[in-house]
């Protein structure tokens, strides 16, 4: 895992770069949050390929539990991926509702993250 730091205005953003699935459990998500929080980052960019598919199955509760912790710590999370092919209405609604807020966003590209932060 590599961390690429981006400075956009007053925001210090950690982009997590890896070829592996890094978030395989709730504990992995919380560990990532803690590590980046205590490293002084304001936001995290995490690519969807680095998250277990179970995260995107809302019945598991993993997404809700992890994202609630990000909200509690006021740490912005941008999950980058191609979400245009989502067929589940509940998952599409979850993405839309999250994107209406400021803390957790499901977004198409890193460049889109930078535009949203500006």
PDB file of N, CA and C in Angstrom:
ATOM      1  N   UNK A   1       0.848  -1.182   0.000  1.00  0.00           N
ATOM      2  CA  UNK A   1       0.000   0.000   0.000  1.00  0.00           C
ATOM      3  C   UNK A   1       0.887   1.236   0.000  1.00  0.00           C
ATOM      4  N   UNK A   2       0.566   2.168  -0.861  1.00  0.00           N
ATOM      5  CA  UNK A   2       1.236   3.462  -0.900  1.00  0.00           C
ATOM      6  C   UNK A   2       0.209   4.545  -0.606  1.00  0.00           C
ATOM      7  N   UNK A   3       0.663   5.618  -0.024  1.00  0.00           N
ATOM      8  CA  UNK A   3      -0.201   6.752   0.254  1.00  0.00           C
ATOM      9  C   UNK A   3       0.327   7.932  -0.541  1.00  0.00           C
ATOM     10  N   UNK A   4      -0.504   8.439  -1.437  1.00  0.00           N
ATOM     11  CA  UNK A   4      -0.145   9.636  -2.189  1.00  0.00           C
ATOM     12  C   UNK A   4      -0.882  10.807  -1.552  1.00  0.00           C
ATOM     13  N   UNK A   5      -0.137  11.787  -1.125  1.00  0.00           N
ATOM     14  CA  UNK A   5      -0.705  12.949  -0.464  1.00  0.00           C
ATOM     15  C   UNK A   5      -1.042  14.028  -1.487  1.00  0.00           C
ATOM     16  N   UNK A   6      -2.233  14.587  -1.359  1.00  0.00           N
ATOM     17  CA  UNK A   6      -2.683  15.686  -2.214  1.00  0.00           C
ATOM     18  C   UNK A   6      -3.090  16.850  -1.308  1.00  0.00           C
ATOM     19  N   UNK A   7      -2.669  18.035  -1.656  1.00  0.00           N
ATOM     20  CA  UNK A   7      -3.070  19.236  -0.935  1.00  0.00           C
ATOM     21  C   UNK A   7      -3.989  20.043  -1.838  1.00  0.00           C
ATOM     22  N   UNK A   8      -5.254  20.166  -1.468  1.00  0.00           N
ATOM     23  CA  UNK A   8      -6.234  20.954  -2.214  1.00  0.00           C
ATOM     24  C   UNK A   8      -6.775  22.012  -1.253  1.00  0.00           C
ATOM     25  N   UNK A   9      -6.389  23.238  -1.470  1.00  0.00           N
ATOM     26  CA  UNK A   9      -6.783  24.298  -0.544  1.00  0.00           C
ATOM     27  C   UNK A   9      -6.264  23.969   0.841  1.00  0.00           C
ATOM     28  N   UNK A  10      -7.154  23.929   1.816  1.00  0.00           N
ATOM     29  CA  UNK A  10      -6.776  23.610   3.193  1.00  0.00           C
ATOM     30  C   UNK A  10      -6.850  22.116   3.490  1.00  0.00           C
ATOM     31  N   UNK A  11      -7.242  21.307   2.504  1.00  0.00           N
ATOM     32  CA  UNK A  11      -7.450  19.873   2.730  1.00  0.00           C
ATOM     33  C   UNK A  11      -6.206  19.055   2.398  1.00  0.00           C
ATOM     34  N   UNK A  12      -5.809  18.220   3.339  1.00  0.00           N
ATOM     35  CA  UNK A  12      -4.716  17.279   3.159  1.00  0.00           C
ATOM     36  C   UNK A  12      -5.353  15.907   2.915  1.00  0.00           C
ATOM     37  N   UNK A  13      -5.223  15.397   1.703  1.00  0.00           N
ATOM     38  CA  UNK A  13      -5.960  14.205   1.278  1.00  0.00           C
ATOM     39  C   UNK A  13      -4.992  13.053   1.050  1.00  0.00           C
ATOM     40  N   UNK A  14      -5.335  11.892   1.601  1.00  0.00           N
ATOM     41  CA  UNK A  14      -4.550  10.678   1.394  1.00  0.00           C
ATOM     42  C   UNK A  14      -5.234   9.834   0.326  1.00  0.00           C
ATOM     43  N   UNK A  15      -4.547   9.619  -0.790  1.00  0.00           N
ATOM     44  CA  UNK A  15      -5.047   8.684  -1.792  1.00  0.00           C
ATOM     45  C   UNK A  15      -4.345   7.355  -1.557  1.00  0.00           C
ATOM     46  N   UNK A  16      -5.120   6.326  -1.308  1.00  0.00           N
ATOM     47  CA  UNK A  16      -4.589   5.004  -1.026  1.00  0.00           C
ATOM     48  C   UNK A  16      -4.387   4.277  -2.357  1.00  0.00           C
ATOM     49  N   UNK A  17      -3.163   3.865  -2.618  1.00  0.00           N
ATOM     50  CA  UNK A  17      -2.807   3.203  -3.867  1.00  0.00           C
ATOM     51  C   UNK A  17      -2.383   1.764  -3.552  1.00  0.00           C
ATOM     52  N   UNK A  18      -3.060   0.804  -4.161  1.00  0.00           N
ATOM     53  CA  UNK A  18      -2.710  -0.593  -3.952  1.00  0.00           C
ATOM     54  C   UNK A  18      -3.341  -1.453  -5.040  1.00  0.00           C
ATOM     55  N   UNK A  19      -2.720  -2.591  -5.310  1.00  0.00           N
ATOM     56  CA  UNK A  19      -3.291  -3.576  -6.221  1.00  0.00           C
ATOM     57  C   UNK A  19      -4.076  -4.639  -5.458  1.00  0.00           C
ATOM     58  N   UNK A  20      -4.102  -4.526  -4.144  1.00  0.00           N
ATOM     59  CA  UNK A  20      -4.740  -5.539  -3.302  1.00  0.00           C
ATOM     60  C   UNK A  20      -6.025  -5.008  -2.676  1.00  0.00           C
ATOM     61  N   UNK A  21      -6.868  -5.925  -2.238  1.00  0.00           N
ATOM     62  CA  UNK A  21      -8.038  -5.567  -1.444  1.00  0.00           C
ATOM     63  C   UNK A  21      -7.531  -5.241  -0.042  1.00  0.00           C
ATOM     64  N   UNK A  22      -7.723  -4.019   0.381  1.00  0.00           N
ATOM     65  CA  UNK A  22      -7.216  -3.548   1.668  1.00  0.00           C
ATOM     66  C   UNK A  22      -8.277  -3.567   2.761  1.00  0.00           C
ATOM     67  N   UNK A  23      -9.526  -3.368   2.370  1.00  0.00           N
ATOM     68  CA  UNK A  23     -10.623  -3.355   3.335  1.00  0.00           C
ATOM     69  C   UNK A  23     -11.425  -4.634   3.119  1.00  0.00           C
ATOM     70  N   UNK A  24     -11.089  -5.648   3.933  1.00  0.00           N
ATOM     71  CA  UNK A  24     -11.783  -6.930   3.845  1.00  0.00           C
ATOM     72  C   UNK A  24     -12.758  -7.127   4.996  1.00  0.00           C
ATOM     73  N   UNK A  25     -12.688  -6.228   5.969  1.00  0.00           N
ATOM     74  CA  UNK A  25     -13.561  -6.339   7.141  1.00  0.00           C
ATOM     75  C   UNK A  25     -13.794  -4.948   7.719  1.00  0.00           C
ATOM     76  N   UNK A  26     -14.714  -4.875   8.642  1.00  0.00           N
ATOM     77  CA  UNK A  26     -14.980  -3.619   9.334  1.00  0.00           C
ATOM     78  C   UNK A  26     -13.717  -3.141  10.055  1.00  0.00           C
ATOM     79  N   UNK A  27     -13.010  -4.074  10.675  1.00  0.00           N
ATOM     80  CA  UNK A  27     -11.788  -3.710  11.389  1.00  0.00           C
ATOM     81  C   UNK A  27     -10.750  -3.088  10.461  1.00  0.00           C
ATOM     82  N   UNK A  28     -10.644  -3.609   9.233  1.00  0.00           N
ATOM     83  CA  UNK A  28      -9.696  -3.029   8.266  1.00  0.00           C
ATOM     84  C   UNK A  28     -10.066  -1.582   7.944  1.00  0.00           C
ATOM     85  N   UNK A  29     -11.362  -1.322   7.765  1.00  0.00           N
ATOM     86  CA  UNK A  29     -11.818   0.041   7.485  1.00  0.00           C
ATOM     87  C   UNK A  29     -11.536   0.983   8.640  1.00  0.00           C
ATOM     88  N   UNK A  30     -11.756   0.496   9.859  1.00  0.00           N
ATOM     89  CA  UNK A  30     -11.506   1.322  11.042  1.00  0.00           C
ATOM     90  C   UNK A  30     -10.015   1.559  11.246  1.00  0.00           C
ATOM     91  N   UNK A  31      -9.198   0.560  10.928  1.00  0.00           N
ATOM     92  CA  UNK A  31      -7.743   0.721  11.036  1.00  0.00           C
ATOM     93  C   UNK A  31      -7.250   1.773  10.048  1.00  0.00           C
ATOM     94  N   UNK A  32      -7.762   1.722   8.827  1.00  0.00           N
ATOM     95  CA  UNK A  32      -7.391   2.714   7.813  1.00  0.00           C
ATOM     96  C   UNK A  32      -7.798   4.117   8.266  1.00  0.00           C
ATOM     97  N   UNK A  33      -9.008   4.238   8.770  1.00  0.00           N
ATOM     98  CA  UNK A  33      -9.480   5.529   9.283  1.00  0.00           C
ATOM     99  C   UNK A  33      -8.550   6.040  10.373  1.00  0.00           C
ATOM    100  N   UNK A  34      -8.244   5.208  11.349  1.00  0.00           N
ATOM    101  CA  UNK A  34      -7.387   5.625  12.450  1.00  0.00           C
ATOM    102  C   UNK A  34      -5.993   6.015  11.991  1.00  0.00           C
ATOM    103  N   UNK A  35      -5.423   5.204  11.110  1.00  0.00           N
ATOM    104  CA  UNK A  35      -4.071   5.493  10.619  1.00  0.00           C
ATOM    105  C   UNK A  35      -4.017   6.834   9.893  1.00  0.00           C
ATOM    106  N   UNK A  36      -4.989   7.105   9.049  1.00  0.00           N
ATOM    107  CA  UNK A  36      -4.983   8.348   8.270  1.00  0.00           C
ATOM    108  C   UNK A  36      -5.349   9.548   9.147  1.00  0.00           C
ATOM    109  N   UNK A  37      -6.265   9.352  10.074  1.00  0.00           N
ATOM    110  CA  UNK A  37      -6.673  10.415  10.991  1.00  0.00           C
ATOM    111  C   UNK A  37      -5.470  10.879  11.824  1.00  0.00           C
ATOM    112  N   UNK A  38      -4.766   9.914  12.403  1.00  0.00           N
ATOM    113  CA  UNK A  38      -3.634  10.261  13.263  1.00  0.00           C
ATOM    114  C   UNK A  38      -2.388  10.668  12.475  1.00  0.00           C
ATOM    115  N   UNK A  39      -2.418  10.472  11.152  1.00  0.00           N
ATOM    116  CA  UNK A  39      -1.334  10.961  10.292  1.00  0.00           C
ATOM    117  C   UNK A  39      -1.596  12.378   9.809  1.00  0.00           C
ATOM    118  N   UNK A  40      -2.724  12.954  10.229  1.00  0.00           N
ATOM    119  CA  UNK A  40      -3.018  14.346   9.921  1.00  0.00           C
ATOM    120  C   UNK A  40      -3.777  14.590   8.636  1.00  0.00           C
ATOM    121  N   UNK A  41      -4.350  13.551   8.058  1.00  0.00           N
ATOM    122  CA  UNK A  41      -5.125  13.742   6.831  1.00  0.00           C
ATOM    123  C   UNK A  41      -6.556  14.165   7.159  1.00  0.00           C
ATOM    124  N   UNK A  42      -7.130  14.970   6.253  1.00  0.00           N
ATOM    125  CA  UNK A  42      -8.499  15.448   6.398  1.00  0.00           C
ATOM    126  C   UNK A  42      -9.490  14.592   5.619  1.00  0.00           C
ATOM    127  N   UNK A  43      -8.976  13.870   4.624  1.00  0.00           N
ATOM    128  CA  UNK A  43      -9.835  13.083   3.743  1.00  0.00           C
ATOM    129  C   UNK A  43      -9.050  11.906   3.187  1.00  0.00           C
ATOM    130  N   UNK A  44      -9.791  10.888   2.765  1.00  0.00           N
ATOM    131  CA  UNK A  44      -9.185   9.693   2.183  1.00  0.00           C
ATOM    132  C   UNK A  44      -9.857   9.415   0.850  1.00  0.00           C
ATOM    133  N   UNK A  45      -9.038   9.109  -0.148  1.00  0.00           N
ATOM    134  CA  UNK A  45      -9.529   8.601  -1.429  1.00  0.00           C
ATOM    135  C   UNK A  45      -9.195   7.117  -1.445  1.00  0.00           C
ATOM    136  N   UNK A  46     -10.221   6.300  -1.556  1.00  0.00           N
ATOM    137  CA  UNK A  46     -10.067   4.849  -1.579  1.00  0.00           C
ATOM    138  C   UNK A  46     -10.730   4.327  -2.841  1.00  0.00           C
ATOM    139  N   UNK A  47     -10.009   3.546  -3.622  1.00  0.00           N
ATOM    140  CA  UNK A  47     -10.547   3.005  -4.868  1.00  0.00           C
ATOM    141  C   UNK A  47     -11.404   1.778  -4.558  1.00  0.00           C
ATOM    142  N   UNK A  48     -12.519   1.660  -5.254  1.00  0.00           N
ATOM    143  CA  UNK A  48     -13.463   0.571  -4.979  1.00  0.00           C
ATOM    144  C   UNK A  48     -12.832  -0.804  -5.141  1.00  0.00           C
ATOM    145  N   UNK A  49     -11.829  -0.934  -6.007  1.00  0.00           N
ATOM    146  CA  UNK A  49     -11.160  -2.227  -6.205  1.00  0.00           C
ATOM    147  C   UNK A  49     -10.397  -2.661  -4.955  1.00  0.00           C
ATOM    148  N   UNK A  50     -10.153  -1.736  -4.030  1.00  0.00           N
ATOM    149  CA  UNK A  50      -9.440  -2.043  -2.795  1.00  0.00           C
ATOM    150  C   UNK A  50     -10.372  -2.378  -1.639  1.00  0.00           C
ATOM    151  N   UNK A  51     -11.657  -2.522  -1.950  1.00  0.00           N
ATOM    152  CA  UNK A  51     -12.673  -2.826  -0.939  1.00  0.00           C
ATOM    153  C   UNK A  51     -13.349  -4.137  -1.316  1.00  0.00           C
ATOM    154  N   UNK A  52     -13.530  -4.999  -0.345  1.00  0.00           N
ATOM    155  CA  UNK A  52     -14.189  -6.277  -0.583  1.00  0.00           C
ATOM    156  C   UNK A  52     -15.605  -6.064  -1.148  1.00  0.00           C
ATOM    157  N   UNK A  53     -16.041  -6.932  -2.060  1.00  0.00           N
ATOM    158  CA  UNK A  53     -17.399  -6.807  -2.603  1.00  0.00           C
ATOM    159  C   UNK A  53     -18.490  -6.870  -1.526  1.00  0.00           C
ATOM    160  N   UNK A  54     -18.219  -7.507  -0.392  1.00  0.00           N
ATOM    161  CA  UNK A  54     -19.204  -7.585   0.690  1.00  0.00           C
ATOM    162  C   UNK A  54     -19.581  -6.204   1.222  1.00  0.00           C
ATOM    163  N   UNK A  55     -18.663  -5.258   1.116  1.00  0.00           N
ATOM    164  CA  UNK A  55     -18.940  -3.882   1.534  1.00  0.00           C
ATOM    165  C   UNK A  55     -20.145  -3.333   0.772  1.00  0.00           C
ATOM    166  N   UNK A  56     -20.228  -3.668  -0.521  1.00  0.00           N
ATOM    167  CA  UNK A  56     -21.273  -3.128  -1.385  1.00  0.00           C
ATOM    168  C   UNK A  56     -22.573  -3.937  -1.316  1.00  0.00           C
ATOM    169  N   UNK A  57     -22.597  -4.987  -0.496  1.00  0.00           N
ATOM    170  CA  UNK A  57     -23.817  -5.734  -0.220  1.00  0.00           C
ATOM    171  C   UNK A  57     -24.368  -5.173   1.092  1.00  0.00           C
ATOM    172  N   UNK A  58     -25.348  -4.308   0.988  1.00  0.00           N
ATOM    173  CA  UNK A  58     -25.823  -3.563   2.159  1.00  0.00           C
ATOM    174  C   UNK A  58     -26.361  -4.473   3.261  1.00  0.00           C
ATOM    175  N   UNK A  59     -26.756  -5.684   2.910  1.00  0.00           N
ATOM    176  CA  UNK A  59     -27.275  -6.620   3.921  1.00  0.00           C
ATOM    177  C   UNK A  59     -26.217  -7.023   4.937  1.00  0.00           C
ATOM    178  N   UNK A  60     -24.940  -6.926   4.581  1.00  0.00           N
ATOM    179  CA  UNK A  60     -23.878  -7.307   5.518  1.00  0.00           C
ATOM    180  C   UNK A  60     -23.715  -6.293   6.637  1.00  0.00           C
ATOM    181  N   UNK A  61     -24.105  -5.041   6.393  1.00  0.00           N
ATOM    182  CA  UNK A  61     -23.960  -3.984   7.390  1.00  0.00           C
ATOM    183  C   UNK A  61     -22.563  -3.395   7.464  1.00  0.00           C
ATOM    184  N   UNK A  62     -21.635  -3.950   6.682  1.00  0.00           N
ATOM    185  CA  UNK A  62     -20.252  -3.480   6.732  1.00  0.00           C
ATOM    186  C   UNK A  62     -20.146  -2.019   6.325  1.00  0.00           C
ATOM    187  N   UNK A  63     -20.783  -1.651   5.233  1.00  0.00           N
ATOM    188  CA  UNK A  63     -20.703  -0.263   4.756  1.00  0.00           C
ATOM    189  C   UNK A  63     -21.231   0.699   5.812  1.00  0.00           C
ATOM    190  N   UNK A  64     -22.370   0.394   6.363  1.00  0.00           N
ATOM    191  CA  UNK A  64     -22.973   1.271   7.362  1.00  0.00           C
ATOM    192  C   UNK A  64     -22.086   1.460   8.578  1.00  0.00           C
ATOM    193  N   UNK A  65     -21.494   0.363   9.033  1.00  0.00           N
ATOM    194  CA  UNK A  65     -20.653   0.438  10.227  1.00  0.00           C
ATOM    195  C   UNK A  65     -19.384   1.254   9.970  1.00  0.00           C
ATOM    196  N   UNK A  66     -18.736   0.997   8.841  1.00  0.00           N
ATOM    197  CA  UNK A  66     -17.512   1.732   8.520  1.00  0.00           C
ATOM    198  C   UNK A  66     -17.811   3.213   8.272  1.00  0.00           C
ATOM    199  N   UNK A  67     -18.825   3.483   7.487  1.00  0.00           N
ATOM    200  CA  UNK A  67     -19.129   4.871   7.140  1.00  0.00           C
ATOM    201  C   UNK A  67     -19.604   5.666   8.345  1.00  0.00           C
ATOM    202  N   UNK A  68     -20.253   5.004   9.296  1.00  0.00           N
ATOM    203  CA  UNK A  68     -20.662   5.692  10.528  1.00  0.00           C
ATOM    204  C   UNK A  68     -19.440   6.168  11.305  1.00  0.00           C
ATOM    205  N   UNK A  69     -18.393   5.351  11.338  1.00  0.00           N
ATOM    206  CA  UNK A  69     -17.161   5.757  12.032  1.00  0.00           C
ATOM    207  C   UNK A  69     -16.505   6.951  11.335  1.00  0.00           C
ATOM    208  N   UNK A  70     -16.505   6.941  10.000  1.00  0.00           N
ATOM    209  CA  UNK A  70     -15.949   8.088   9.269  1.00  0.00           C
ATOM    210  C   UNK A  70     -16.739   9.351   9.617  1.00  0.00           C
ATOM    211  N   UNK A  71     -18.052   9.225   9.730  1.00  0.00           N
ATOM    212  CA  UNK A  71     -18.890  10.371  10.098  1.00  0.00           C
ATOM    213  C   UNK A  71     -18.591  10.826  11.515  1.00  0.00           C
ATOM    214  N   UNK A  72     -18.437   9.883  12.434  1.00  0.00           N
ATOM    215  CA  UNK A  72     -18.144  10.230  13.825  1.00  0.00           C
ATOM    216  C   UNK A  72     -16.839  11.005  13.952  1.00  0.00           C
ATOM    217  N   UNK A  73     -15.841  10.626  13.168  1.00  0.00           N
ATOM    218  CA  UNK A  73     -14.540  11.295  13.222  1.00  0.00           C
ATOM    219  C   UNK A  73     -14.462  12.504  12.289  1.00  0.00           C
ATOM    220  N   UNK A  74     -15.545  12.757  11.567  1.00  0.00           N
ATOM    221  CA  UNK A  74     -15.608  13.880  10.621  1.00  0.00           C
ATOM    222  C   UNK A  74     -14.500  13.785   9.564  1.00  0.00           C
ATOM    223  N   UNK A  75     -14.166  12.566   9.170  1.00  0.00           N
ATOM    224  CA  UNK A  75     -13.154  12.304   8.147  1.00  0.00           C
ATOM    225  C   UNK A  75     -13.879  12.070   6.829  1.00  0.00           C
ATOM    226  N   UNK A  76     -13.550  12.879   5.844  1.00  0.00           N
ATOM    227  CA  UNK A  76     -14.173  12.719   4.525  1.00  0.00           C
ATOM    228  C   UNK A  76     -13.604  11.484   3.840  1.00  0.00           C
ATOM    229  N   UNK A  77     -14.497  10.744   3.179  1.00  0.00           N
ATOM    230  CA  UNK A  77     -14.109   9.541   2.453  1.00  0.00           C
ATOM    231  C   UNK A  77     -14.680   9.618   1.051  1.00  0.00           C
ATOM    232  N   UNK A  78     -13.804   9.443   0.084  1.00  0.00           N
ATOM    233  CA  UNK A  78     -14.207   9.398  -1.317  1.00  0.00           C
ATOM    234  C   UNK A  78     -13.882   8.011  -1.841  1.00  0.00           C
ATOM    235  N   UNK A  79     -14.904   7.271  -2.202  1.00  0.00           N
ATOM    236  CA  UNK A  79     -14.700   5.954  -2.791  1.00  0.00           C
ATOM    237  C   UNK A  79     -14.832   6.132  -4.293  1.00  0.00           C
ATOM    238  N   UNK A  80     -13.730   5.851  -4.994  1.00  0.00           N
ATOM    239  CA  UNK A  80     -13.645   6.103  -6.433  1.00  0.00           C
ATOM    240  C   UNK A  80     -13.853   4.792  -7.195  1.00  0.00           C
ATOM    241  N   UNK A  81     -14.758   4.835  -8.163  1.00  0.00           N
ATOM    242  CA  UNK A  81     -14.990   3.659  -8.993  1.00  0.00           C
ATOM    243  C   UNK A  81     -16.070   3.939 -10.019  1.00  0.00           C
ATOM    244  N   UNK A  82     -16.327   2.961 -10.853  1.00  0.00           N
ATOM    245  CA  UNK A  82     -17.391   3.072 -11.849  1.00  0.00           C
ATOM    246  C   UNK A  82     -18.667   2.492 -11.237  1.00  0.00           C
ATOM    247  N   UNK A  83     -19.520   3.363 -10.775  1.00  0.00           N
ATOM    248  CA  UNK A  83     -20.755   2.941 -10.122  1.00  0.00           C
ATOM    249  C   UNK A  83     -21.956   3.051 -11.060  1.00  0.00           C
ATOM    250  N   UNK A  84     -21.695   3.307 -12.323  1.00  0.00           N
ATOM    251  CA  UNK A  84     -22.792   3.480 -13.290  1.00  0.00           C
ATOM    252  C   UNK A  84     -23.514   2.171 -13.601  1.00  0.00           C
ATOM    253  N   UNK A  85     -22.879   1.044 -13.328  1.00  0.00           N
ATOM    254  CA  UNK A  85     -23.469  -0.249 -13.645  1.00  0.00           C
ATOM    255  C   UNK A  85     -24.219  -0.882 -12.471  1.00  0.00           C
ATOM    256  N   UNK A  86     -24.417  -0.138 -11.397  1.00  0.00           N
ATOM    257  CA  UNK A  86     -25.108  -0.666 -10.222  1.00  0.00           C
ATOM    258  C   UNK A  86     -26.557  -0.972 -10.585  1.00  0.00           C
ATOM    259  N   UNK A  87     -26.970  -2.201 -10.323  1.00  0.00           N
ATOM    260  CA  UNK A  87     -28.335  -2.615 -10.658  1.00  0.00           C
ATOM    261  C   UNK A  87     -29.254  -2.642  -9.440  1.00  0.00           C
ATOM    262  N   UNK A  88     -28.699  -2.658  -8.261  1.00  0.00           N
ATOM    263  CA  UNK A  88     -29.493  -2.694  -7.041  1.00  0.00           C
ATOM    264  C   UNK A  88     -30.057  -1.304  -6.746  1.00  0.00           C
ATOM    265  N   UNK A  89     -31.375  -1.215  -6.646  1.00  0.00           N
ATOM    266  CA  UNK A  89     -32.012   0.065  -6.344  1.00  0.00           C
ATOM    267  C   UNK A  89     -31.586   0.577  -4.966  1.00  0.00           C
ATOM    268  N   UNK A  90     -31.524  -0.315  -3.987  1.00  0.00           N
ATOM    269  CA  UNK A  90     -31.152   0.118  -2.644  1.00  0.00           C
ATOM    270  C   UNK A  90     -29.712   0.619  -2.603  1.00  0.00           C
ATOM    271  N   UNK A  91     -28.802  -0.020  -3.352  1.00  0.00           N
ATOM    272  CA  UNK A  91     -27.414   0.441  -3.386  1.00  0.00           C
ATOM    273  C   UNK A  91     -27.301   1.776  -4.125  1.00  0.00           C
ATOM    274  N   UNK A  92     -28.025   1.907  -5.231  1.00  0.00           N
ATOM    275  CA  UNK A  92     -28.024   3.175  -5.967  1.00  0.00           C
ATOM    276  C   UNK A  92     -28.579   4.300  -5.092  1.00  0.00           C
ATOM    277  N   UNK A  93     -29.629   4.015  -4.330  1.00  0.00           N
ATOM    278  CA  UNK A  93     -30.197   5.006  -3.412  1.00  0.00           C
ATOM    279  C   UNK A  93     -29.194   5.368  -2.316  1.00  0.00           C
ATOM    280  N   UNK A  94     -28.481   4.366  -1.816  1.00  0.00           N
ATOM    281  CA  UNK A  94     -27.461   4.585  -0.794  1.00  0.00           C
ATOM    282  C   UNK A  94     -26.358   5.494  -1.316  1.00  0.00           C
ATOM    283  N   UNK A  95     -25.905   5.242  -2.540  1.00  0.00           N
ATOM    284  CA  UNK A  95     -24.884   6.092  -3.154  1.00  0.00           C
ATOM    285  C   UNK A  95     -25.393   7.522  -3.304  1.00  0.00           C
ATOM    286  N   UNK A  96     -26.605   7.663  -3.805  1.00  0.00           N
ATOM    287  CA  UNK A  96     -27.177   8.989  -4.037  1.00  0.00           C
ATOM    288  C   UNK A  96     -27.317   9.750  -2.708  1.00  0.00           C
ATOM    289  N   UNK A  97     -27.812   9.075  -1.684  1.00  0.00           N
ATOM    290  CA  UNK A  97     -27.984   9.721  -0.383  1.00  0.00           C
ATOM    291  C   UNK A  97     -26.629  10.132   0.201  1.00  0.00           C
ATOM    292  N   UNK A  98     -25.652   9.254   0.092  1.00  0.00           N
ATOM    293  CA  UNK A  98     -24.304   9.573   0.587  1.00  0.00           C
ATOM    294  C   UNK A  98     -23.731  10.774  -0.157  1.00  0.00           C
ATOM    295  N   UNK A  99     -23.911  10.802  -1.462  1.00  0.00           N
ATOM    296  CA  UNK A  99     -23.354  11.881  -2.277  1.00  0.00           C
ATOM    297  C   UNK A  99     -24.021  13.225  -2.017  1.00  0.00           C
ATOM    298  N   UNK A 100     -25.205  13.213  -1.409  1.00  0.00           N
ATOM    299  CA  UNK A 100     -25.863  14.468  -1.054  1.00  0.00           C
ATOM    300  C   UNK A 100     -25.218  15.111   0.168  1.00  0.00           C
ATOM    301  N   UNK A 101     -24.475  14.325   0.927  1.00  0.00           N
ATOM    302  CA  UNK A 101     -23.773  14.841   2.101  1.00  0.00           C
ATOM    303  C   UNK A 101     -22.360  15.255   1.737  1.00  0.00           C
ATOM    304  N   UNK A 102     -21.594  15.608   2.750  1.00  0.00           N
ATOM    305  CA  UNK A 102     -20.228  16.067   2.509  1.00  0.00           C
ATOM    306  C   UNK A 102     -19.179  15.068   2.971  1.00  0.00           C
ATOM    307  N   UNK A 103     -19.521  14.118   3.813  1.00  0.00           N
ATOM    308  CA  UNK A 103     -18.493  13.278   4.409  1.00  0.00           C
ATOM    309  C   UNK A 103     -18.156  12.033   3.603  1.00  0.00           C
ATOM    310  N   UNK A 104     -19.132  11.401   2.989  1.00  0.00           N
ATOM    311  CA  UNK A 104     -18.893  10.170   2.241  1.00  0.00           C
ATOM    312  C   UNK A 104     -19.458  10.325   0.843  1.00  0.00           C
ATOM    313  N   UNK A 105     -18.588  10.118  -0.152  1.00  0.00           N
ATOM    314  CA  UNK A 105     -19.020  10.241  -1.540  1.00  0.00           C
ATOM    315  C   UNK A 105     -18.523   9.067  -2.357  1.00  0.00           C
ATOM    316  N   UNK A 106     -19.386   8.585  -3.234  1.00  0.00           N
ATOM    317  CA  UNK A 106     -19.039   7.569  -4.219  1.00  0.00           C
ATOM    318  C   UNK A 106     -18.918   8.321  -5.541  1.00  0.00           C
ATOM    319  N   UNK A 107     -17.731   8.306  -6.112  1.00  0.00           N
ATOM    320  CA  UNK A 107     -17.415   9.245  -7.181  1.00  0.00           C
ATOM    321  C   UNK A 107     -16.634   8.534  -8.285  1.00  0.00           C
ATOM    322  N   UNK A 108     -16.703   9.064  -9.493  1.00  0.00           N
ATOM    323  CA  UNK A 108     -16.166   8.383 -10.659  1.00  0.00           C
ATOM    324  C   UNK A 108     -14.664   8.423 -10.845  1.00  0.00           C
ATOM    325  N   UNK A 109     -13.998   9.482 -10.406  1.00  0.00           N
ATOM    326  CA  UNK A 109     -12.559   9.588 -10.655  1.00  0.00           C
ATOM    327  C   UNK A 109     -11.899  10.462  -9.588  1.00  0.00           C
ATOM    328  N   UNK A 110     -10.595  10.336  -9.495  1.00  0.00           N
ATOM    329  CA  UNK A 110      -9.830  11.163  -8.562  1.00  0.00           C
ATOM    330  C   UNK A 110      -9.960  12.635  -8.950  1.00  0.00           C
ATOM    331  N   UNK A 111      -9.977  12.915 -10.246  1.00  0.00           N
ATOM    332  CA  UNK A 111     -10.142  14.300 -10.704  1.00  0.00           C
ATOM    333  C   UNK A 111     -11.491  14.872 -10.240  1.00  0.00           C
ATOM    334  N   UNK A 112     -12.526  14.031 -10.235  1.00  0.00           N
ATOM    335  CA  UNK A 112     -13.836  14.473  -9.735  1.00  0.00           C
ATOM    336  C   UNK A 112     -13.774  14.791  -8.246  1.00  0.00           C
ATOM    337  N   UNK A 113     -12.962  14.041  -7.510  1.00  0.00           N
ATOM    338  CA  UNK A 113     -12.780  14.326  -6.075  1.00  0.00           C
ATOM    339  C   UNK A 113     -12.187  15.721  -5.906  1.00  0.00           C
ATOM    340  N   UNK A 114     -11.144  16.025  -6.681  1.00  0.00           N
ATOM    341  CA  UNK A 114     -10.494  17.323  -6.559  1.00  0.00           C
ATOM    342  C   UNK A 114     -11.471  18.456  -6.871  1.00  0.00           C
ATOM    343  N   UNK A 115     -12.317  18.256  -7.871  1.00  0.00           N
ATOM    344  CA  UNK A 115     -13.325  19.273  -8.231  1.00  0.00           C
ATOM    345  C   UNK A 115     -14.331  19.457  -7.101  1.00  0.00           C
ATOM    346  N   UNK A 116     -14.730  18.353  -6.476  1.00  0.00           N
ATOM    347  CA  UNK A 116     -15.724  18.438  -5.396  1.00  0.00           C
ATOM    348  C   UNK A 116     -15.158  19.140  -4.170  1.00  0.00           C
ATOM    349  N   UNK A 117     -13.881  18.959  -3.909  1.00  0.00           N
ATOM    350  CA  UNK A 117     -13.254  19.557  -2.726  1.00  0.00           C
ATOM    351  C   UNK A 117     -13.042  21.059  -2.899  1.00  0.00           C
ATOM    352  N   UNK A 118     -12.783  21.500  -4.116  1.00  0.00           N
ATOM    353  CA  UNK A 118     -12.491  22.928  -4.344  1.00  0.00           C
ATOM    354  C   UNK A 118     -13.607  23.829  -3.910  1.00  0.00           C
TER     355      UNK A 118
END
